[in-house]
Protein backbone atom coordinates (compact mmCIF):
# COMPACT_ATOMS: atom_id res chain seq x y z
CA UNK A 1 0.00 0.00 0.00
CA UNK A 2 2.76 2.45 0.92
CA UNK A 3 4.69 1.61 -2.23
CA UNK A 4 1.64 2.30 -4.40
CA UNK A 5 1.07 5.69 -2.75
CA UNK A 6 4.69 6.68 -3.16
CA UNK A 7 4.59 5.72 -6.83
CA UNK A 8 1.84 8.25 -7.34
CA UNK A 9 3.98 11.02 -5.82
CA UNK A 10 7.40 10.32 -7.36
CA UNK A 11 9.07 8.74 -10.35
CA UNK A 12 11.05 5.95 -8.70
CA UNK A 13 14.42 7.16 -10.03
CA UNK A 14 13.85 10.54 -8.33
CA UNK A 15 12.44 9.00 -5.18
CA UNK A 16 15.61 6.92 -4.81
CA UNK A 17 17.55 10.17 -4.31
CA UNK A 18 15.44 11.36 -1.35
CA UNK A 19 16.17 11.17 2.34
CA UNK A 20 12.85 9.37 2.83
CA UNK A 21 14.04 6.59 0.51
CA UNK A 22 17.33 6.28 2.41
CA UNK A 23 15.53 6.12 5.75
CA UNK A 24 13.10 3.47 4.51
CA UNK A 25 16.04 1.36 3.29
CA UNK A 26 17.73 1.75 6.67
CA UNK A 27 14.52 0.70 8.42
CA UNK A 28 14.35 -2.40 6.23
CA UNK A 29 17.95 -3.26 7.15
CA UNK A 30 17.14 -2.91 10.85
CA UNK A 31 13.98 -5.03 10.55
CA UNK A 32 14.89 -8.23 8.67
CA UNK A 33 11.92 -9.96 7.13
CA UNK A 34 10.08 -6.73 6.35
CA UNK A 35 10.17 -5.31 2.83
CA UNK A 36 8.76 -1.86 2.08
CA UNK A 37 10.39 -1.12 -1.25
CA UNK A 38 11.28 -3.34 -4.22
CA UNK A 39 14.93 -4.26 -4.76
CA UNK A 40 17.06 -1.49 -6.29
CA UNK A 41 17.67 -3.52 -9.44
CA UNK A 42 14.00 -3.47 -10.53
PDB file of N, CA and C in Angstrom:
ATOM      1  N   UNK A   1       0.815  -1.189   0.000  1.00  0.00           N
ATOM      2  CA  UNK A   1       0.000   0.000   0.000  1.00  0.00           C
ATOM      3  C   UNK A   1       0.863   1.260   0.000  1.00  0.00           C
ATOM      4  N   UNK A   2       1.870   1.290   0.859  1.00  0.00           N
ATOM      5  CA  UNK A   2       2.765   2.447   0.918  1.00  0.00           C
ATOM      6  C   UNK A   2       3.478   2.628  -0.413  1.00  0.00           C
ATOM      7  N   UNK A   3       3.966   1.536  -0.961  1.00  0.00           N
ATOM      8  CA  UNK A   3       4.686   1.607  -2.228  1.00  0.00           C
ATOM      9  C   UNK A   3       3.805   2.200  -3.319  1.00  0.00           C
ATOM     10  N   UNK A   4       2.557   1.791  -3.384  1.00  0.00           N
ATOM     11  CA  UNK A   4       1.637   2.303  -4.402  1.00  0.00           C
ATOM     12  C   UNK A   4       1.427   3.809  -4.234  1.00  0.00           C
ATOM     13  N   UNK A   5       1.270   4.260  -3.009  1.00  0.00           N
ATOM     14  CA  UNK A   5       1.074   5.687  -2.750  1.00  0.00           C
ATOM     15  C   UNK A   5       2.299   6.493  -3.128  1.00  0.00           C
ATOM     16  N   UNK A   6       3.475   5.963  -2.817  1.00  0.00           N
ATOM     17  CA  UNK A   6       4.694   6.685  -3.164  1.00  0.00           C
ATOM     18  C   UNK A   6       4.889   6.753  -4.679  1.00  0.00           C
ATOM     19  N   UNK A   7       4.482   5.710  -5.378  1.00  0.00           N
ATOM     20  CA  UNK A   7       4.594   5.720  -6.835  1.00  0.00           C
ATOM     21  C   UNK A   7       3.771   6.835  -7.456  1.00  0.00           C
ATOM     22  N   UNK A   8       2.676   7.177  -6.827  1.00  0.00           N
ATOM     23  CA  UNK A   8       1.836   8.250  -7.339  1.00  0.00           C
ATOM     24  C   UNK A   8       2.502   9.614  -7.143  1.00  0.00           C
ATOM     25  N   UNK A   9       3.361   9.741  -6.151  1.00  0.00           N
ATOM     26  CA  UNK A   9       3.978  11.022  -5.823  1.00  0.00           C
ATOM     27  C   UNK A   9       5.314  11.248  -6.530  1.00  0.00           C
ATOM     28  N   UNK A  10       6.044  10.201  -6.833  1.00  0.00           N
ATOM     29  CA  UNK A  10       7.401  10.316  -7.364  1.00  0.00           C
ATOM     30  C   UNK A  10       7.621   9.343  -8.510  1.00  0.00           C
ATOM     31  N   UNK A  11       8.473   9.738  -9.462  1.00  0.00           N
ATOM     32  CA  UNK A  11       9.066   8.738 -10.345  1.00  0.00           C
ATOM     33  C   UNK A  11      10.106   8.038  -9.494  1.00  0.00           C
ATOM     34  N   UNK A  12      10.189   6.722  -9.601  1.00  0.00           N
ATOM     35  CA  UNK A  12      11.045   5.950  -8.701  1.00  0.00           C
ATOM     36  C   UNK A  12      12.492   6.413  -8.760  1.00  0.00           C
ATOM     37  N   UNK A  13      13.004   6.748  -9.929  1.00  0.00           N
ATOM     38  CA  UNK A  13      14.416   7.159 -10.033  1.00  0.00           C
ATOM     39  C   UNK A  13      14.681   8.444  -9.254  1.00  0.00           C
ATOM     40  N   UNK A  14      13.696   9.330  -9.125  1.00  0.00           N
ATOM     41  CA  UNK A  14      13.853  10.540  -8.326  1.00  0.00           C
ATOM     42  C   UNK A  14      13.646  10.243  -6.850  1.00  0.00           C
ATOM     43  N   UNK A  15      12.703   9.380  -6.564  1.00  0.00           N
ATOM     44  CA  UNK A  15      12.443   8.997  -5.183  1.00  0.00           C
ATOM     45  C   UNK A  15      13.674   8.357  -4.549  1.00  0.00           C
ATOM     46  N   UNK A  16      14.426   7.588  -5.329  1.00  0.00           N
ATOM     47  CA  UNK A  16      15.614   6.919  -4.813  1.00  0.00           C
ATOM     48  C   UNK A  16      16.665   7.911  -4.314  1.00  0.00           C
ATOM     49  N   UNK A  17      16.579   9.146  -4.705  1.00  0.00           N
ATOM     50  CA  UNK A  17      17.547  10.168  -4.306  1.00  0.00           C
ATOM     51  C   UNK A  17      17.120  10.928  -3.048  1.00  0.00           C
ATOM     52  N   UNK A  18      15.950  10.615  -2.505  1.00  0.00           N
ATOM     53  CA  UNK A  18      15.443  11.365  -1.355  1.00  0.00           C
ATOM     54  C   UNK A  18      15.908  10.786  -0.022  1.00  0.00           C
ATOM     55  N   UNK A  19      15.842  11.617   0.994  1.00  0.00           N
ATOM     56  CA  UNK A  19      16.165  11.174   2.343  1.00  0.00           C
ATOM     57  C   UNK A  19      15.134  10.159   2.838  1.00  0.00           C
ATOM     58  N   UNK A  20      13.891  10.326   2.451  1.00  0.00           N
ATOM     59  CA  UNK A  20      12.853   9.366   2.832  1.00  0.00           C
ATOM     60  C   UNK A  20      13.213   7.976   2.327  1.00  0.00           C
ATOM     61  N   UNK A  21      13.641   7.866   1.081  1.00  0.00           N
ATOM     62  CA  UNK A  21      14.039   6.585   0.510  1.00  0.00           C
ATOM     63  C   UNK A  21      15.174   5.972   1.336  1.00  0.00           C
ATOM     64  N   UNK A  22      16.182   6.776   1.641  1.00  0.00           N
ATOM     65  CA  UNK A  22      17.329   6.283   2.407  1.00  0.00           C
ATOM     66  C   UNK A  22      16.906   5.802   3.786  1.00  0.00           C
ATOM     67  N   UNK A  23      15.994   6.521   4.407  1.00  0.00           N
ATOM     68  CA  UNK A  23      15.530   6.119   5.748  1.00  0.00           C
ATOM     69  C   UNK A  23      14.684   4.851   5.699  1.00  0.00           C
ATOM     70  N   UNK A  24      13.882   4.704   4.652  1.00  0.00           N
ATOM     71  CA  UNK A  24      13.103   3.473   4.511  1.00  0.00           C
ATOM     72  C   UNK A  24      14.022   2.275   4.292  1.00  0.00           C
ATOM     73  N   UNK A  25      15.067   2.449   3.491  1.00  0.00           N
ATOM     74  CA  UNK A  25      16.036   1.357   3.288  1.00  0.00           C
ATOM     75  C   UNK A  25      16.733   1.007   4.594  1.00  0.00           C
ATOM     76  N   UNK A  26      17.091   1.998   5.381  1.00  0.00           N
ATOM     77  CA  UNK A  26      17.731   1.751   6.666  1.00  0.00           C
ATOM     78  C   UNK A  26      16.778   1.000   7.601  1.00  0.00           C
ATOM     79  N   UNK A  27      15.509   1.394   7.600  1.00  0.00           N
ATOM     80  CA  UNK A  27      14.518   0.705   8.425  1.00  0.00           C
ATOM     81  C   UNK A  27      14.431  -0.759   8.014  1.00  0.00           C
ATOM     82  N   UNK A  28      14.408  -1.013   6.709  1.00  0.00           N
ATOM     83  CA  UNK A  28      14.352  -2.405   6.230  1.00  0.00           C
ATOM     84  C   UNK A  28      15.566  -3.200   6.717  1.00  0.00           C
ATOM     85  N   UNK A  29      16.742  -2.576   6.694  1.00  0.00           N
ATOM     86  CA  UNK A  29      17.953  -3.260   7.155  1.00  0.00           C
ATOM     87  C   UNK A  29      17.869  -3.596   8.638  1.00  0.00           C
ATOM     88  N   UNK A  30      17.245  -2.715   9.405  1.00  0.00           N
ATOM     89  CA  UNK A  30      17.142  -2.914  10.852  1.00  0.00           C
ATOM     90  C   UNK A  30      15.980  -3.811  11.256  1.00  0.00           C
ATOM     91  N   UNK A  31      15.138  -4.181  10.284  1.00  0.00           N
ATOM     92  CA  UNK A  31      13.983  -5.034  10.551  1.00  0.00           C
ATOM     93  C   UNK A  31      13.931  -6.163   9.510  1.00  0.00           C
ATOM     94  N   UNK A  32      14.856  -7.128   9.638  1.00  0.00           N
ATOM     95  CA  UNK A  32      14.889  -8.231   8.670  1.00  0.00           C
ATOM     96  C   UNK A  32      13.526  -8.920   8.568  1.00  0.00           C
ATOM     97  N   UNK A  33      13.194  -9.284   7.360  1.00  0.00           N
ATOM     98  CA  UNK A  33      11.921  -9.957   7.127  1.00  0.00           C
ATOM     99  C   UNK A  33      10.831  -9.016   6.658  1.00  0.00           C
ATOM    100  N   UNK A  34      11.048  -7.716   6.821  1.00  0.00           N
ATOM    101  CA  UNK A  34      10.080  -6.729   6.345  1.00  0.00           C
ATOM    102  C   UNK A  34      10.618  -6.064   5.091  1.00  0.00           C
ATOM    103  N   UNK A  35       9.779  -5.947   4.081  1.00  0.00           N
ATOM    104  CA  UNK A  35      10.174  -5.307   2.826  1.00  0.00           C
ATOM    105  C   UNK A  35       9.153  -4.217   2.519  1.00  0.00           C
ATOM    106  N   UNK A  36       9.629  -2.985   2.405  1.00  0.00           N
ATOM    107  CA  UNK A  36       8.756  -1.858   2.084  1.00  0.00           C
ATOM    108  C   UNK A  36       8.876  -1.505   0.608  1.00  0.00           C
ATOM    109  N   UNK A  37      10.099  -1.532   0.116  1.00  0.00           N
ATOM    110  CA  UNK A  37      10.393  -1.120  -1.252  1.00  0.00           C
ATOM    111  C   UNK A  37      10.923  -2.292  -2.064  1.00  0.00           C
ATOM    112  N   UNK A  38      10.719  -2.267  -3.385  1.00  0.00           N
ATOM    113  CA  UNK A  38      11.275  -3.338  -4.217  1.00  0.00           C
ATOM    114  C   UNK A  38      12.807  -3.238  -4.248  1.00  0.00           C
ATOM    115  N   UNK A  39      13.473  -4.314  -4.639  1.00  0.00           N
ATOM    116  CA  UNK A  39      14.934  -4.259  -4.760  1.00  0.00           C
ATOM    117  C   UNK A  39      15.363  -3.150  -5.712  1.00  0.00           C
ATOM    118  N   UNK A  40      16.550  -2.598  -5.472  1.00  0.00           N
ATOM    119  CA  UNK A  40      17.058  -1.493  -6.292  1.00  0.00           C
ATOM    120  C   UNK A  40      17.229  -1.854  -7.760  1.00  0.00           C
ATOM    121  N   UNK A  41      17.399  -3.119  -8.050  1.00  0.00           N
ATOM    122  CA  UNK A  41      17.670  -3.521  -9.436  1.00  0.00           C
ATOM    123  C   UNK A  41      16.403  -3.690 -10.267  1.00  0.00           C
ATOM    124  N   UNK A  42      15.256  -3.343  -9.746  1.00  0.00           N
ATOM    125  CA  UNK A  42      14.000  -3.469 -10.528  1.00  0.00           C
ATOM    126  C   UNK A  42      13.707  -2.187 -11.252  1.00  0.00           C
TER     127      UNK A  42
END
